[in-house]
Structures are given as C-alpha cells and as structure tokens.
C-alpha cells in the first residue's frame, strides 16, 4: 500500500476562505477520485494554528496513487487554491511498512 501526502500553507488571515474552498472542492473531487481504481481512503483537512492543508490518501499501488498527478479535477483545484495564495509542497508517496487496524 501507498500513502500519498500533499501539504500546503496559506496566510492565517485566509483561514475561513481556504477552509471553505477545500470543503467545496470535495464536492467536485469526490466523484472523480471515486472513479479511480485503487483508492482505499482519502482525507482532506485544514489546521488553523499552522495555516496548513493536508490531503492524505491510501492507495493499493504506487501506479494507482500517481493517477492523482494527472487528474483534471485535482489540477483545477490546485490552480484555484494557488490563485488564493496557497503554497504547495512537493507531493510525497510513502510505502507502508506497517499498519494498525482496529
């Protein structure tokens, strides 16, 4: 399994706008992501104290995780977020070495 992590930062004064944009983006992204093979879990969230966004997803293979790179809907959301001043870090894919399942 692969965990794909995308992080970004924004100005603290923009928290409400960025959080709202991220939530609204879910409505546009969920159907597109669900249509991709191999997605096991997807999480998107904000952290007010750090003025940060995280998108973390779990995929069955690296090939499936890398589908996100070319997903048109994700590219559009990235463009929208960057237009609001969001600064993205390079995306990192991690191979899972161990896990806990309740």
Protein backbone atom coordinates (compact mmCIF):
# COMPACT_ATOMS: atom_id res chain seq x y z
CA UNK A 1 0.00 0.00 0.00
CA UNK A 2 0.96 3.62 -0.61
CA UNK A 3 0.11 6.76 1.39
CA UNK A 4 0.16 9.89 -0.78
CA UNK A 5 0.63 13.14 1.16
CA UNK A 6 0.16 16.66 -0.17
CA UNK A 7 0.69 19.62 2.15
CA UNK A 8 0.27 23.34 1.63
CA UNK A 9 0.34 26.59 3.59
CA UNK A 10 -1.55 29.86 3.39
CA UNK A 11 -1.79 33.18 5.23
CA UNK A 12 -3.51 32.86 8.62
CA UNK A 13 -5.96 35.64 7.76
CA UNK A 14 -7.33 33.50 4.91
CA UNK A 15 -8.28 30.50 7.04
CA UNK A 16 -12.07 30.73 6.61
CA UNK A 17 -11.83 31.24 2.85
CA UNK A 18 -9.31 28.42 2.33
CA UNK A 19 -11.20 26.01 4.60
CA UNK A 20 -14.45 26.76 2.73
CA UNK A 21 -12.74 26.34 -0.64
CA UNK A 22 -11.30 22.99 0.45
CA UNK A 23 -14.72 21.76 1.64
CA UNK A 24 -16.41 22.93 -1.56
CA UNK A 25 -13.68 21.27 -3.60
CA UNK A 26 -14.67 17.96 -2.08
CA UNK A 27 -17.98 18.10 -3.95
CA UNK A 28 -16.07 18.44 -7.21
CA UNK A 29 -13.32 15.95 -6.39
CA UNK A 30 -15.08 13.05 -4.68
CA UNK A 31 -16.81 11.68 -7.80
CA UNK A 32 -13.59 11.91 -9.83
CA UNK A 33 -11.48 10.25 -7.14
CA UNK A 34 -14.07 7.51 -6.57
CA UNK A 35 -13.86 6.68 -10.28
CA UNK A 36 -10.13 5.93 -9.99
CA UNK A 37 -9.07 2.36 -9.33
CA UNK A 38 -7.09 1.60 -6.20
CA UNK A 39 -8.16 4.38 -3.80
CA UNK A 40 -8.71 2.87 -0.36
CA UNK A 41 -9.09 6.07 1.72
CA UNK A 42 -8.89 9.82 1.15
CA UNK A 43 -8.64 12.58 3.75
CA UNK A 44 -8.50 16.36 3.28
CA UNK A 45 -8.21 18.80 6.13
CA UNK A 46 -7.02 22.13 7.45
CA UNK A 47 -5.09 23.17 10.54
CA UNK A 48 -5.89 26.68 11.74
CA UNK A 49 -2.86 27.01 14.05
CA UNK A 50 -0.41 26.02 11.31
CA UNK A 51 -2.31 27.73 8.44
CA UNK A 52 -1.95 24.44 6.59
CA UNK A 53 -3.80 21.98 4.39
CA UNK A 54 -3.23 18.27 4.09
CA UNK A 55 -4.53 15.79 1.56
CA UNK A 56 -3.64 12.23 2.53
CA UNK A 57 -4.81 9.21 0.60
CA UNK A 58 -4.19 5.48 0.76
CA UNK A 59 -3.78 3.51 -2.46
CA UNK A 60 -3.19 -0.12 -3.24
CA UNK A 61 -0.22 0.56 -5.56
CA UNK A 62 2.14 3.40 -6.47
CA UNK A 63 0.78 3.36 -10.02
CA UNK A 64 -2.71 4.00 -8.67
CA UNK A 65 -1.52 6.76 -6.32
CA UNK A 66 0.18 8.53 -9.19
CA UNK A 67 -3.13 8.81 -11.06
CA UNK A 68 -3.75 11.89 -8.93
CA UNK A 69 -0.95 13.73 -10.74
CA UNK A 70 -2.90 13.84 -13.99
CA UNK A 71 -6.47 14.02 -12.63
CA UNK A 72 -8.01 17.05 -14.34
CA UNK A 73 -10.30 17.88 -11.42
CA UNK A 74 -7.36 17.87 -9.00
CA UNK A 75 -5.30 20.09 -11.30
CA UNK A 76 -8.23 22.56 -11.41
CA UNK A 77 -8.50 22.61 -7.60
CA UNK A 78 -4.75 23.19 -7.31
CA UNK A 79 -4.98 26.10 -9.71
CA UNK A 80 -7.88 27.56 -7.74
CA UNK A 81 -6.03 27.21 -4.44
CA UNK A 82 -2.83 28.74 -5.84
CA UNK A 83 -4.90 31.70 -7.11
CA UNK A 84 -5.87 32.28 -3.46
CA UNK A 85 -2.22 32.28 -2.35
CA UNK A 86 -1.92 28.66 -1.21
CA UNK A 87 1.67 27.40 -1.45
CA UNK A 88 2.03 23.65 -2.09
CA UNK A 89 4.95 21.49 -1.01
CA UNK A 90 6.12 18.65 -3.26
CA UNK A 91 3.84 15.61 -3.01
CA UNK A 92 5.38 12.53 -1.42
CA UNK A 93 4.28 8.91 -1.80
CA UNK A 94 5.18 6.60 1.09
CA UNK A 95 5.29 2.82 1.01
CA UNK A 96 3.51 1.37 4.03
CA UNK A 97 5.80 -0.68 6.26
CA UNK A 98 3.23 -1.48 8.94
CA UNK A 99 -0.31 -0.60 9.98
CA UNK A 100 -2.81 -0.94 12.83
CA UNK A 101 -6.42 -1.77 12.03
CA UNK A 102 -8.96 -1.56 14.88
